[in-house]
């Protein structure tokens, strides 16, 4: 397993699992990323971007703070929560 490159992240993933999470609609891109991660390329997991709008967290603005799912590697801004 390989760790997310974000310094404050404690998540580890199998190359196949993280590549499918980052490229769910494109099997070719997922396969390429899987090989790159297995050979040592770094990656940032989906927890660090909003699953709805794909932007990062701003801890100073309440609506742009993240709510992180405890069961899957997804985050949402408070304003983007489904």
N, C-alpha and C. Protein backbone atom coordinates (compact mmCIF):
# COMPACT_ATOMS: atom_id res chain seq x y z
N UNK A 1 0.84 -1.18 0.00
CA UNK A 1 0.00 0.00 0.00
C UNK A 1 0.88 1.24 0.00
N UNK A 2 0.32 2.36 -0.46
CA UNK A 2 1.06 3.60 -0.59
C UNK A 2 0.30 4.73 0.10
N UNK A 3 1.04 5.66 0.72
CA UNK A 3 0.43 6.75 1.46
C UNK A 3 0.20 7.96 0.56
N UNK A 4 -0.89 8.65 0.82
CA UNK A 4 -1.20 9.92 0.15
C UNK A 4 -0.05 10.90 0.41
N UNK A 5 0.25 11.73 -0.57
CA UNK A 5 1.38 12.66 -0.49
C UNK A 5 1.11 13.84 0.45
N UNK A 6 -0.14 14.13 0.76
CA UNK A 6 -0.47 15.25 1.64
C UNK A 6 0.13 15.01 3.02
N UNK A 7 0.85 16.00 3.54
CA UNK A 7 1.59 15.85 4.79
C UNK A 7 0.70 15.56 6.00
N UNK A 8 -0.53 16.03 5.99
CA UNK A 8 -1.42 15.84 7.14
C UNK A 8 -2.35 14.64 6.97
N UNK A 9 -2.19 13.90 5.87
CA UNK A 9 -3.08 12.78 5.59
C UNK A 9 -2.50 11.48 6.13
N UNK A 10 -3.34 10.65 6.67
CA UNK A 10 -2.88 9.37 7.18
C UNK A 10 -3.44 8.19 6.41
N UNK A 11 -4.01 8.45 5.22
CA UNK A 11 -4.62 7.39 4.44
C UNK A 11 -3.60 6.66 3.56
N UNK A 12 -3.77 5.34 3.49
CA UNK A 12 -2.95 4.48 2.64
C UNK A 12 -3.89 3.75 1.69
N UNK A 13 -3.42 3.51 0.46
CA UNK A 13 -4.25 2.87 -0.56
C UNK A 13 -3.44 1.85 -1.36
N UNK A 14 -4.13 0.85 -1.87
CA UNK A 14 -3.56 -0.02 -2.89
C UNK A 14 -3.53 0.80 -4.18
N UNK A 15 -2.54 0.62 -5.03
CA UNK A 15 -2.50 1.37 -6.29
C UNK A 15 -3.78 1.19 -7.13
N UNK A 16 -4.29 -0.03 -7.20
CA UNK A 16 -5.49 -0.29 -7.99
C UNK A 16 -6.70 0.44 -7.42
N UNK A 17 -6.84 0.46 -6.10
CA UNK A 17 -7.99 1.10 -5.45
C UNK A 17 -7.97 2.61 -5.64
N UNK A 18 -6.82 3.24 -5.39
CA UNK A 18 -6.77 4.70 -5.51
C UNK A 18 -6.90 5.15 -6.96
N UNK A 19 -6.36 4.39 -7.88
CA UNK A 19 -6.48 4.78 -9.29
C UNK A 19 -7.94 4.71 -9.74
N UNK A 20 -8.69 3.75 -9.24
CA UNK A 20 -10.12 3.66 -9.57
C UNK A 20 -10.91 4.78 -8.91
N UNK A 21 -10.50 5.21 -7.71
CA UNK A 21 -11.18 6.32 -7.05
C UNK A 21 -10.92 7.65 -7.76
N UNK A 22 -9.71 7.83 -8.25
CA UNK A 22 -9.34 9.09 -8.91
C UNK A 22 -9.82 9.15 -10.36
N UNK A 23 -10.00 8.00 -11.01
CA UNK A 23 -10.47 7.96 -12.40
C UNK A 23 -11.59 6.93 -12.55
N UNK A 24 -12.75 7.15 -11.92
CA UNK A 24 -13.81 6.15 -11.96
C UNK A 24 -14.43 5.95 -13.35
N UNK A 25 -14.37 6.95 -14.20
CA UNK A 25 -15.02 6.88 -15.50
C UNK A 25 -14.08 6.47 -16.63
N UNK A 26 -12.77 6.36 -16.34
CA UNK A 26 -11.80 6.11 -17.39
C UNK A 26 -10.86 4.96 -16.98
N UNK A 27 -11.13 3.77 -17.47
CA UNK A 27 -10.33 2.59 -17.09
C UNK A 27 -8.89 2.67 -17.60
N UNK A 28 -8.69 3.29 -18.75
CA UNK A 28 -7.34 3.41 -19.30
C UNK A 28 -6.49 4.33 -18.42
N UNK A 29 -7.05 5.50 -18.05
CA UNK A 29 -6.33 6.43 -17.18
C UNK A 29 -6.08 5.81 -15.82
N UNK A 30 -7.06 5.06 -15.30
CA UNK A 30 -6.90 4.39 -14.01
C UNK A 30 -5.77 3.36 -14.08
N UNK A 31 -5.71 2.61 -15.16
CA UNK A 31 -4.65 1.62 -15.32
C UNK A 31 -3.27 2.25 -15.41
N UNK A 32 -3.17 3.37 -16.14
CA UNK A 32 -1.90 4.08 -16.24
C UNK A 32 -1.47 4.63 -14.88
N UNK A 33 -2.42 5.22 -14.14
CA UNK A 33 -2.10 5.77 -12.82
C UNK A 33 -1.69 4.66 -11.86
N UNK A 34 -2.36 3.53 -11.93
CA UNK A 34 -2.02 2.39 -11.08
C UNK A 34 -0.55 1.98 -11.26
N UNK A 35 -0.12 1.91 -12.50
CA UNK A 35 1.27 1.55 -12.79
C UNK A 35 2.24 2.60 -12.27
N UNK A 36 1.88 3.88 -12.43
CA UNK A 36 2.76 4.96 -11.96
C UNK A 36 2.90 4.94 -10.44
N UNK A 37 1.78 4.73 -9.74
CA UNK A 37 1.81 4.69 -8.28
C UNK A 37 2.62 3.48 -7.80
N UNK A 38 2.43 2.35 -8.44
CA UNK A 38 3.17 1.14 -8.07
C UNK A 38 4.68 1.32 -8.28
N UNK A 39 5.05 2.19 -9.22
CA UNK A 39 6.48 2.44 -9.46
C UNK A 39 7.02 3.59 -8.62
N UNK A 40 6.18 4.17 -7.76
CA UNK A 40 6.67 5.17 -6.82
C UNK A 40 6.18 6.59 -7.01
N UNK A 41 5.33 6.84 -8.00
CA UNK A 41 4.82 8.20 -8.20
C UNK A 41 3.86 8.57 -7.07
N UNK A 42 3.93 9.81 -6.61
CA UNK A 42 3.06 10.26 -5.51
C UNK A 42 1.67 10.62 -6.03
N UNK A 43 0.72 10.67 -5.13
CA UNK A 43 -0.66 11.00 -5.47
C UNK A 43 -1.31 11.69 -4.28
N UNK A 44 -2.36 12.44 -4.55
CA UNK A 44 -3.16 13.08 -3.51
C UNK A 44 -4.52 12.41 -3.54
N UNK A 45 -4.97 11.89 -2.40
CA UNK A 45 -6.23 11.13 -2.38
C UNK A 45 -7.44 12.07 -2.45
N UNK A 46 -8.62 11.51 -2.74
CA UNK A 46 -9.83 12.31 -2.94
C UNK A 46 -10.33 13.04 -1.70
N UNK A 47 -9.78 12.76 -0.55
CA UNK A 47 -10.22 13.42 0.68
C UNK A 47 -9.87 14.91 0.68
N UNK A 48 -8.92 15.31 -0.16
CA UNK A 48 -8.42 16.67 -0.11
C UNK A 48 -9.10 17.63 -1.09
N UNK A 49 -10.13 17.15 -1.76
CA UNK A 49 -10.93 17.98 -2.66
C UNK A 49 -12.40 17.64 -2.46
N UNK A 50 -13.25 18.64 -2.58
CA UNK A 50 -14.69 18.44 -2.44
C UNK A 50 -15.19 17.50 -3.54
N UNK A 51 -15.99 16.52 -3.17
CA UNK A 51 -16.52 15.55 -4.13
C UNK A 51 -17.55 16.15 -5.07
N UNK A 52 -18.08 17.33 -4.74
CA UNK A 52 -19.09 17.97 -5.58
C UNK A 52 -18.45 19.00 -6.51
N UNK A 53 -17.70 19.95 -5.94
CA UNK A 53 -17.17 21.06 -6.75
C UNK A 53 -15.68 20.92 -7.07
N UNK A 54 -15.00 19.94 -6.49
CA UNK A 54 -13.58 19.64 -6.74
C UNK A 54 -12.61 20.74 -6.29
N UNK A 55 -13.03 21.60 -5.38
CA UNK A 55 -12.15 22.63 -4.84
C UNK A 55 -11.62 22.20 -3.48
N UNK A 56 -10.55 22.84 -3.04
CA UNK A 56 -9.94 22.52 -1.75
C UNK A 56 -10.67 23.18 -0.59
N UNK A 57 -10.17 22.91 0.60
CA UNK A 57 -10.77 23.42 1.83
C UNK A 57 -10.21 24.80 2.17
N UNK A 58 -11.07 25.67 2.71
CA UNK A 58 -10.65 26.94 3.27
C UNK A 58 -11.16 26.96 4.71
N UNK A 59 -10.26 26.73 5.66
CA UNK A 59 -10.67 26.60 7.06
C UNK A 59 -11.15 27.90 7.68
N UNK A 60 -10.88 29.03 7.03
CA UNK A 60 -11.29 30.33 7.57
C UNK A 60 -12.74 30.67 7.26
N UNK A 61 -13.31 30.03 6.24
CA UNK A 61 -14.69 30.30 5.83
C UNK A 61 -15.54 29.08 6.18
N UNK A 62 -16.57 29.26 6.99
CA UNK A 62 -17.38 28.16 7.51
C UNK A 62 -17.95 27.29 6.39
N UNK A 63 -18.50 27.91 5.34
CA UNK A 63 -19.12 27.13 4.26
C UNK A 63 -18.11 26.31 3.47
N UNK A 64 -16.81 26.69 3.52
CA UNK A 64 -15.78 26.00 2.74
C UNK A 64 -14.93 25.05 3.58
N UNK A 65 -15.36 24.80 4.82
CA UNK A 65 -14.69 23.79 5.64
C UNK A 65 -15.20 22.42 5.22
N UNK A 66 -14.35 21.40 5.35
CA UNK A 66 -14.71 20.06 4.92
C UNK A 66 -15.46 19.27 5.98
N UNK A 67 -16.38 18.48 5.50
CA UNK A 67 -17.00 17.41 6.26
C UNK A 67 -16.50 16.14 5.57
N UNK A 68 -15.79 15.30 6.31
CA UNK A 68 -15.17 14.10 5.74
C UNK A 68 -15.99 12.88 6.12
N UNK A 69 -16.31 12.07 5.13
CA UNK A 69 -17.04 10.83 5.37
C UNK A 69 -16.17 9.87 6.16
N UNK A 70 -16.76 9.19 7.12
CA UNK A 70 -16.02 8.23 7.93
C UNK A 70 -15.96 6.85 7.29
N UNK A 71 -16.78 6.62 6.27
CA UNK A 71 -16.86 5.29 5.66
C UNK A 71 -16.18 5.20 4.31
N UNK A 72 -15.97 6.32 3.66
CA UNK A 72 -15.33 6.29 2.34
C UNK A 72 -14.40 7.50 2.21
N UNK A 73 -13.51 7.50 1.25
CA UNK A 73 -12.57 8.61 1.10
C UNK A 73 -13.17 9.77 0.30
N UNK A 74 -14.20 10.41 0.86
CA UNK A 74 -14.81 11.57 0.22
C UNK A 74 -14.94 12.70 1.22
N UNK A 75 -14.83 13.92 0.70
CA UNK A 75 -15.01 15.12 1.51
C UNK A 75 -15.99 16.04 0.78
N UNK A 76 -16.66 16.86 1.55
CA UNK A 76 -17.62 17.83 1.00
C UNK A 76 -17.44 19.14 1.74
N UNK A 77 -17.56 20.26 1.02
CA UNK A 77 -17.68 21.53 1.71
C UNK A 77 -19.01 21.51 2.45
N UNK A 78 -19.11 22.26 3.51
CA UNK A 78 -20.38 22.30 4.23
C UNK A 78 -21.51 22.75 3.32
N UNK A 79 -21.22 23.68 2.41
CA UNK A 79 -22.26 24.18 1.49
C UNK A 79 -22.61 23.17 0.40
N UNK A 80 -21.74 22.19 0.17
CA UNK A 80 -21.94 21.20 -0.91
C UNK A 80 -22.49 19.86 -0.42
N UNK A 81 -22.70 19.74 0.88
CA UNK A 81 -23.17 18.45 1.42
C UNK A 81 -24.45 18.00 0.71
N UNK A 82 -24.51 16.73 0.30
CA UNK A 82 -25.71 16.23 -0.37
C UNK A 82 -26.87 16.08 0.61
